[in-house]
């Protein structure tokens, strides 16, 4: 059973660690050590085409998949036969397998690959090397890997790390810098940044400027600023929202900022599977309140087909402030 992301992970500057954190710190040290040894000891495989990795330094909730989708679109617009590659987290299939959105479900291949496969050729593979080999055999001239900054199996031509740039309500994207499970980090910040070619700093549509303190942390690593841009307004009328993403409270905040008449909101664990009992409970709440239902596109693809007509999807894209800089970066590795 998945649990919701602990919000205390993202608090910065606590005067002292909680008892829970103190208990988890030894496990965090082991996690960081295992990750570092795996990266150091692995010889990456070169699939023969550029591999652009869109990864993260923290667990979930940063906006990697919208960035992947934007990069796929930009490469395809230049005539590059580009494929997406995902581990297929949350799905039961191990691959390598090309996702068919008319045949596969999120339960089979994962919600993020299913989203990407609606627009571009997308592969799932627990073994990233096998997935890349299959993609190249299928005609891929470039691969965009959704997640995998800590996976050393494939040789990366370009490594981008996506960072949540929203720092409101006392939140800080890295918390106090503790590694999972004591905090949100997948590895220490400096270690992860050392392997990154650029940072994609994701901001909500209604935030004017990122916190200047973030820029200092990234040092000499190039920074590309992008924003979550709604592709459509939220549905009209009062709504009950729900989301099973890394930081569901950010979806609640974004819906309100976009003008949604949000009467209630139900946070769920990241990649949560929707049982009939869960959906019936949410629908009953909406019926009592006299509202519609709205969720993210990522959650919507996980809904059983019979529920999709009852729930509005609210899709967003990653809009880069300096699109020319992104295009130059992509052209340098996939001309």
Protein backbone atom coordinates (compact mmCIF):
# COMPACT_ATOMS: atom_id res chain seq x y z
CA UNK A 1 0.00 0.00 0.00
CA UNK A 2 1.44 3.35 -1.03
CA UNK A 3 1.34 6.21 1.44
CA UNK A 4 1.01 9.93 0.60
CA UNK A 5 4.22 11.93 0.30
CA UNK A 6 5.16 13.31 3.76
CA UNK A 7 4.79 17.06 3.59
CA UNK A 8 7.33 17.53 6.37
CA UNK A 9 10.00 16.31 3.95
CA UNK A 10 9.85 19.73 2.31
CA UNK A 11 10.14 21.87 5.44
CA UNK A 12 13.39 23.76 5.65
CA UNK A 13 15.34 24.87 8.68
CA UNK A 14 13.79 22.79 11.44
CA UNK A 15 15.63 23.52 14.67
CA UNK A 16 16.11 19.84 15.39
CA UNK A 17 15.32 16.56 13.74
CA UNK A 18 12.14 14.78 14.78
CA UNK A 19 12.38 11.33 16.40
CA UNK A 20 11.13 9.85 13.13
CA UNK A 21 13.90 11.53 11.17
CA UNK A 22 16.56 10.40 13.62
CA UNK A 23 15.39 6.81 13.25
CA UNK A 24 15.40 7.06 9.46
CA UNK A 25 18.81 8.72 9.02
CA UNK A 26 20.82 5.46 9.19
CA UNK A 27 18.60 3.96 6.47
CA UNK A 28 19.08 7.14 4.42
CA UNK A 29 22.85 6.79 4.70
CA UNK A 30 22.64 3.21 3.41
CA UNK A 31 20.35 4.30 0.54
CA UNK A 32 22.78 7.07 -0.51
CA UNK A 33 25.75 4.73 -0.30
CA UNK A 34 24.13 2.00 -2.38
CA UNK A 35 23.13 4.54 -5.05
CA UNK A 36 26.65 6.00 -5.20
CA UNK A 37 28.29 2.57 -5.48
CA UNK A 38 25.89 1.44 -8.22
CA UNK A 39 26.63 4.55 -10.30
CA UNK A 40 30.39 4.28 -9.76
CA UNK A 41 30.63 0.59 -10.66
CA UNK A 42 28.38 0.48 -13.73
CA UNK A 43 29.74 0.86 -17.24
CA UNK A 44 26.95 2.59 -19.21
CA UNK A 45 25.77 1.02 -22.46
CA UNK A 46 25.81 3.17 -25.59
CA UNK A 47 22.71 2.39 -27.71
CA UNK A 48 24.15 4.24 -30.69
CA UNK A 49 21.69 7.16 -30.61
CA UNK A 50 21.48 10.22 -28.35
CA UNK A 51 19.87 9.55 -24.97
CA UNK A 52 18.34 12.57 -23.25
CA UNK A 53 17.55 11.82 -19.63
CA UNK A 54 14.94 13.93 -17.82
CA UNK A 55 15.46 13.00 -14.20
CA UNK A 56 15.14 14.34 -10.71
CA UNK A 57 17.06 14.81 -7.50
CA UNK A 58 13.99 14.27 -5.32
CA UNK A 59 11.16 11.76 -5.23
CA UNK A 60 8.17 12.74 -7.36
CA UNK A 61 6.16 15.88 -7.82
CA UNK A 62 8.59 17.97 -9.91
CA UNK A 63 7.03 17.87 -13.40
CA UNK A 64 9.37 15.52 -15.24
CA UNK A 65 6.74 14.05 -17.56
CA UNK A 66 5.52 17.40 -18.96
CA UNK A 67 9.16 18.26 -19.64
CA UNK A 68 9.65 14.92 -21.41
CA UNK A 69 6.57 15.58 -23.53
CA UNK A 70 7.81 19.05 -24.50
CA UNK A 71 11.22 17.72 -25.51
CA UNK A 72 9.64 14.91 -27.53
CA UNK A 73 7.47 17.43 -29.37
CA UNK A 74 10.39 19.75 -30.12
CA UNK A 75 12.60 16.98 -31.46
CA UNK A 76 9.77 15.52 -33.53
CA UNK A 77 9.03 18.97 -35.00
CA UNK A 78 12.61 19.02 -36.32
CA UNK A 79 12.11 15.67 -38.03
CA UNK A 80 13.91 13.52 -35.46
CA UNK A 81 12.38 10.05 -35.02
CA UNK A 82 12.34 10.26 -31.23
CA UNK A 83 11.01 7.66 -28.79
CA UNK A 84 10.26 7.89 -25.08
CA UNK A 85 11.61 5.31 -22.66
CA UNK A 86 10.19 4.71 -19.19
CA UNK A 87 10.58 2.17 -16.43
CA UNK A 88 6.81 1.92 -16.36
CA UNK A 89 6.50 2.61 -12.65
CA UNK A 90 3.15 1.49 -11.27
CA UNK A 91 2.52 -0.99 -14.10
CA UNK A 92 2.82 -4.76 -13.94
CA UNK A 93 4.56 -5.25 -17.30
CA UNK A 94 8.36 -5.35 -17.30
CA UNK A 95 8.94 -5.04 -21.05
CA UNK A 96 10.63 -4.18 -23.24
CA UNK A 97 7.33 -3.28 -24.81
CA UNK A 98 6.04 -0.46 -26.99
CA UNK A 99 2.97 1.01 -25.33
CA UNK A 100 -0.26 0.90 -27.33
CA UNK A 101 -2.75 3.35 -25.78
CA UNK A 102 -5.61 1.51 -27.48
CA UNK A 103 -4.62 -1.79 -25.88
CA UNK A 104 -2.66 -1.12 -22.70
CA UNK A 105 -3.88 0.34 -19.44
CA UNK A 106 -2.08 2.31 -16.76
CA UNK A 107 -2.23 -0.80 -14.55
CA UNK A 108 -0.31 -2.66 -17.24
CA UNK A 109 2.31 -0.14 -18.29
CA UNK A 110 2.13 2.80 -15.89
CA UNK A 111 0.30 6.11 -16.13
CA UNK A 112 3.15 8.28 -17.43
CA UNK A 113 4.05 6.00 -20.39
CA UNK A 114 0.36 5.81 -21.30
CA UNK A 115 0.18 9.62 -21.39
CA UNK A 116 3.29 9.89 -23.56
CA UNK A 117 2.20 7.09 -25.91
CA UNK A 118 -0.87 9.05 -26.95
CA UNK A 119 1.48 11.39 -28.89
CA UNK A 120 4.84 9.67 -29.44
CA UNK A 121 6.30 6.14 -29.65
CA UNK A 122 6.88 5.11 -26.04
CA UNK A 123 8.61 2.06 -24.59
CA UNK A 124 8.49 0.60 -21.11
CA UNK A 125 11.30 -1.55 -19.82
CA UNK A 126 12.47 -2.38 -16.33
CA UNK A 127 15.81 -3.03 -18.04
CA UNK A 128 16.62 0.33 -19.60
CA UNK A 129 19.29 -1.14 -21.89
CA UNK A 130 16.85 -3.67 -23.33
CA UNK A 131 14.31 -0.89 -23.80
CA UNK A 132 16.78 1.31 -25.63
CA UNK A 133 17.89 -1.54 -27.89
CA UNK A 134 14.24 -2.25 -28.76
CA UNK A 135 13.55 1.42 -29.48
CA UNK A 136 16.56 1.70 -31.80
CA UNK A 137 15.59 -1.51 -33.56
CA UNK A 138 12.18 0.05 -34.08
CA UNK A 139 13.68 3.08 -35.81
CA UNK A 140 14.39 5.55 -32.98
CA UNK A 141 16.99 8.17 -33.87
CA UNK A 142 16.94 9.60 -30.34
CA UNK A 143 15.60 8.50 -26.96
CA UNK A 144 14.13 10.66 -24.23
CA UNK A 145 14.23 8.82 -20.93
CA UNK A 146 11.52 9.70 -18.42
CA UNK A 147 13.37 9.50 -15.09
CA UNK A 148 16.63 7.66 -14.59
CA UNK A 149 19.18 10.22 -13.39
CA UNK A 150 20.24 7.68 -10.76
CA UNK A 151 20.16 4.77 -13.26
CA UNK A 152 23.65 4.39 -14.78
CA UNK A 153 22.89 1.54 -17.20
CA UNK A 154 22.49 3.74 -20.32
CA UNK A 155 25.04 6.24 -21.58
CA UNK A 156 23.36 9.65 -21.35
CA UNK A 157 24.15 12.23 -24.01
CA UNK A 158 22.31 14.94 -22.09
CA UNK A 159 21.19 14.85 -18.45
CA UNK A 160 18.54 17.29 -17.29
CA UNK A 161 17.30 17.37 -13.70
CA UNK A 162 13.88 18.85 -13.03
CA UNK A 163 13.50 20.83 -9.79
CA UNK A 164 10.28 22.10 -8.26
CA UNK A 165 10.85 25.85 -7.98
CA UNK A 166 7.81 26.63 -5.83
CA UNK A 167 8.86 27.79 -2.37
CA UNK A 168 5.60 29.11 -0.91
CA UNK A 169 4.05 28.19 2.44
CA UNK A 170 7.40 27.33 3.99
CA UNK A 171 8.27 24.69 1.39
CA UNK A 172 11.74 24.10 0.02
CA UNK A 173 12.27 21.66 -2.87
CA UNK A 174 15.05 19.77 -1.08
CA UNK A 175 13.76 20.07 2.49
CA UNK A 176 16.76 19.95 4.79
CA UNK A 177 18.69 17.96 2.21
CA UNK A 178 18.06 14.56 3.78
CA UNK A 179 18.08 11.48 1.56
CA UNK A 180 15.10 9.11 1.44
CA UNK A 181 13.48 7.97 3.70
CA UNK A 182 14.57 10.74 6.08
CA UNK A 183 13.82 13.32 3.40
CA UNK A 184 12.90 13.72 -0.27
CA UNK A 185 16.37 13.45 -1.82
CA UNK A 186 17.32 10.52 -4.03
CA UNK A 187 20.98 11.33 -3.41
CA UNK A 188 22.85 14.30 -1.90
CA UNK A 189 22.25 17.50 -3.86
CA UNK A 190 25.88 18.19 -4.79
CA UNK A 191 26.40 14.60 -5.95
CA UNK A 192 23.36 14.64 -8.23
CA UNK A 193 24.11 18.08 -9.64
CA UNK A 194 27.65 17.04 -10.56
CA UNK A 195 26.22 14.64 -13.18
CA UNK A 196 23.65 17.12 -14.57
CA UNK A 197 24.18 19.12 -17.74
CA UNK A 198 21.36 21.55 -16.88
CA UNK A 199 18.60 22.17 -14.36
CA UNK A 200 14.99 22.67 -15.43
CA UNK A 201 13.41 24.85 -12.76
CA UNK A 202 9.65 24.29 -12.84
CA UNK A 203 7.40 27.11 -11.62
CA UNK A 204 3.63 27.38 -11.31
CA UNK A 205 1.89 29.68 -13.77
CA UNK A 206 1.04 32.26 -11.09
CA UNK A 207 4.52 32.65 -9.54
CA UNK A 208 6.39 35.65 -10.93
CA UNK A 209 9.99 34.83 -10.04
CA UNK A 210 11.84 31.88 -8.48
CA UNK A 211 13.49 32.26 -5.10
CA UNK A 212 16.98 33.77 -5.71
CA UNK A 213 18.40 31.38 -3.11
CA UNK A 214 17.75 28.49 -5.49
CA UNK A 215 20.06 29.94 -8.13
CA UNK A 216 22.93 29.97 -5.63
CA UNK A 217 22.50 26.27 -4.93
CA UNK A 218 22.92 25.31 -8.58
CA UNK A 219 26.30 27.02 -8.93
CA UNK A 220 27.61 26.90 -12.50
CA UNK A 221 25.00 24.40 -13.73
CA UNK A 222 22.93 26.03 -16.52
CA UNK A 223 19.31 26.73 -15.56
CA UNK A 224 16.26 26.61 -17.82
CA UNK A 225 13.10 28.06 -16.31
CA UNK A 226 9.80 26.48 -17.30
CA UNK A 227 6.23 26.90 -16.10
CA UNK A 228 3.21 24.66 -15.85
CA UNK A 229 0.83 26.09 -18.43
CA UNK A 230 -2.76 24.80 -18.46
CA UNK A 231 -3.86 23.60 -21.88
CA UNK A 232 -7.46 24.43 -20.97
CA UNK A 233 -9.21 26.23 -18.13
CA UNK A 234 -10.56 24.14 -15.27
CA UNK A 235 -14.13 22.89 -15.80
CA UNK A 236 -16.82 25.47 -14.99
CA UNK A 237 -18.91 25.36 -11.85
CA UNK A 238 -18.09 24.01 -8.38
CA UNK A 239 -15.72 21.04 -8.34
CA UNK A 240 -14.30 18.37 -6.07
CA UNK A 241 -10.73 17.70 -7.11
CA UNK A 242 -8.54 14.70 -6.44
CA UNK A 243 -4.97 13.74 -7.38
CA UNK A 244 -2.56 10.90 -6.75
CA UNK A 245 0.73 12.64 -7.57
CA UNK A 246 3.96 13.33 -5.69
CA UNK A 247 2.71 16.61 -4.20
CA UNK A 248 -1.08 16.60 -4.43
CA UNK A 249 -1.36 19.85 -2.49
CA UNK A 250 0.29 21.61 -5.44
CA UNK A 251 -2.52 20.47 -7.72
CA UNK A 252 -5.06 21.87 -5.30
CA UNK A 253 -3.19 25.17 -5.22
CA UNK A 254 -2.84 25.30 -9.01
CA UNK A 255 -6.53 24.63 -9.64
CA UNK A 256 -7.51 27.48 -7.34
CA UNK A 257 -4.94 29.79 -8.97
CA UNK A 258 -6.37 28.91 -12.39
CA UNK A 259 -9.84 30.03 -11.30
CA UNK A 260 -11.42 26.70 -10.39
CA UNK A 261 -14.32 26.89 -7.93
CA UNK A 262 -12.77 24.14 -5.83
CA UNK A 263 -15.15 23.16 -3.04
CA UNK A 264 -13.11 20.20 -1.77
CA UNK A 265 -9.96 18.30 -2.64
CA UNK A 266 -8.92 14.69 -1.99
CA UNK A 267 -5.14 14.00 -1.87
CA UNK A 268 -4.04 10.46 -2.74
CA UNK A 269 -0.66 8.66 -2.85
CA UNK A 270 1.50 9.03 -5.96
CA UNK A 271 0.46 6.60 -8.73
CA UNK A 272 -2.45 5.45 -6.55
CA UNK A 273 -4.61 2.78 -8.09
CA UNK A 274 -8.28 3.75 -8.18
CA UNK A 275 -10.54 1.13 -6.63
CA UNK A 276 -14.29 1.29 -7.07
CA UNK A 277 -14.59 1.96 -3.36
CA UNK A 278 -12.26 4.99 -3.56
CA UNK A 279 -13.97 6.42 -6.63
CA UNK A 280 -17.45 5.83 -5.23
CA UNK A 281 -16.47 7.64 -2.02
CA UNK A 282 -15.13 10.64 -3.97
CA UNK A 283 -18.19 10.67 -6.23
CA UNK A 284 -20.51 10.50 -3.22
CA UNK A 285 -18.73 13.50 -1.70
CA UNK A 286 -19.18 15.44 -4.94
CA UNK A 287 -22.86 14.49 -5.10
CA UNK A 288 -23.45 15.69 -1.54
CA UNK A 289 -21.77 18.99 -2.36
CA UNK A 290 -23.45 19.35 -5.76
CA UNK A 291 -20.19 19.54 -7.71
CA UNK A 292 -18.39 18.04 -10.67
CA UNK A 293 -15.15 16.05 -10.47
CA UNK A 294 -11.75 17.16 -11.77
CA UNK A 295 -8.30 15.57 -11.71
CA UNK A 296 -4.94 15.69 -13.46
CA UNK A 297 -4.33 14.11 -16.86
CA UNK A 298 -1.95 11.65 -15.17
CA UNK A 299 -4.70 10.55 -12.79
CA UNK A 300 -7.35 10.52 -15.51
CA UNK A 301 -5.51 7.88 -17.57
CA UNK A 302 -5.54 5.60 -14.50
CA UNK A 303 -9.31 5.80 -14.19
CA UNK A 304 -11.36 2.77 -15.24
CA UNK A 305 -12.96 3.50 -18.66
CA UNK A 306 -16.43 3.72 -17.15
CA UNK A 307 -15.35 6.60 -14.91
CA UNK A 308 -13.65 8.79 -17.51
CA UNK A 309 -16.86 10.39 -18.74
CA UNK A 310 -17.68 11.35 -15.14
CA UNK A 311 -14.38 13.11 -14.39
CA UNK A 312 -12.84 16.13 -16.14
CA UNK A 313 -9.11 15.93 -16.93
CA UNK A 314 -7.08 19.12 -16.45
CA UNK A 315 -3.99 18.85 -18.69
CA UNK A 316 -0.91 21.06 -18.43
CA UNK A 317 2.29 21.48 -20.43
CA UNK A 318 5.79 22.67 -19.60
CA UNK A 319 6.35 26.04 -21.27
CA UNK A 320 10.00 27.11 -21.32
CA UNK A 321 10.68 30.82 -20.85
CA UNK A 322 13.71 30.67 -23.15
CA UNK A 323 12.63 28.20 -25.83
CA UNK A 324 15.60 29.10 -28.02
CA UNK A 325 18.01 28.04 -25.25
CA UNK A 326 16.24 24.70 -24.96
CA UNK A 327 16.36 24.20 -28.73
CA UNK A 328 20.08 24.97 -28.81
CA UNK A 329 20.71 22.46 -26.05
CA UNK A 330 18.75 19.77 -27.86
CA UNK A 331 20.38 20.55 -31.20
CA UNK A 332 23.81 20.10 -29.61
CA UNK A 333 23.07 16.41 -28.95
CA UNK A 334 20.43 15.53 -31.55
CA UNK A 335 21.15 17.65 -34.65
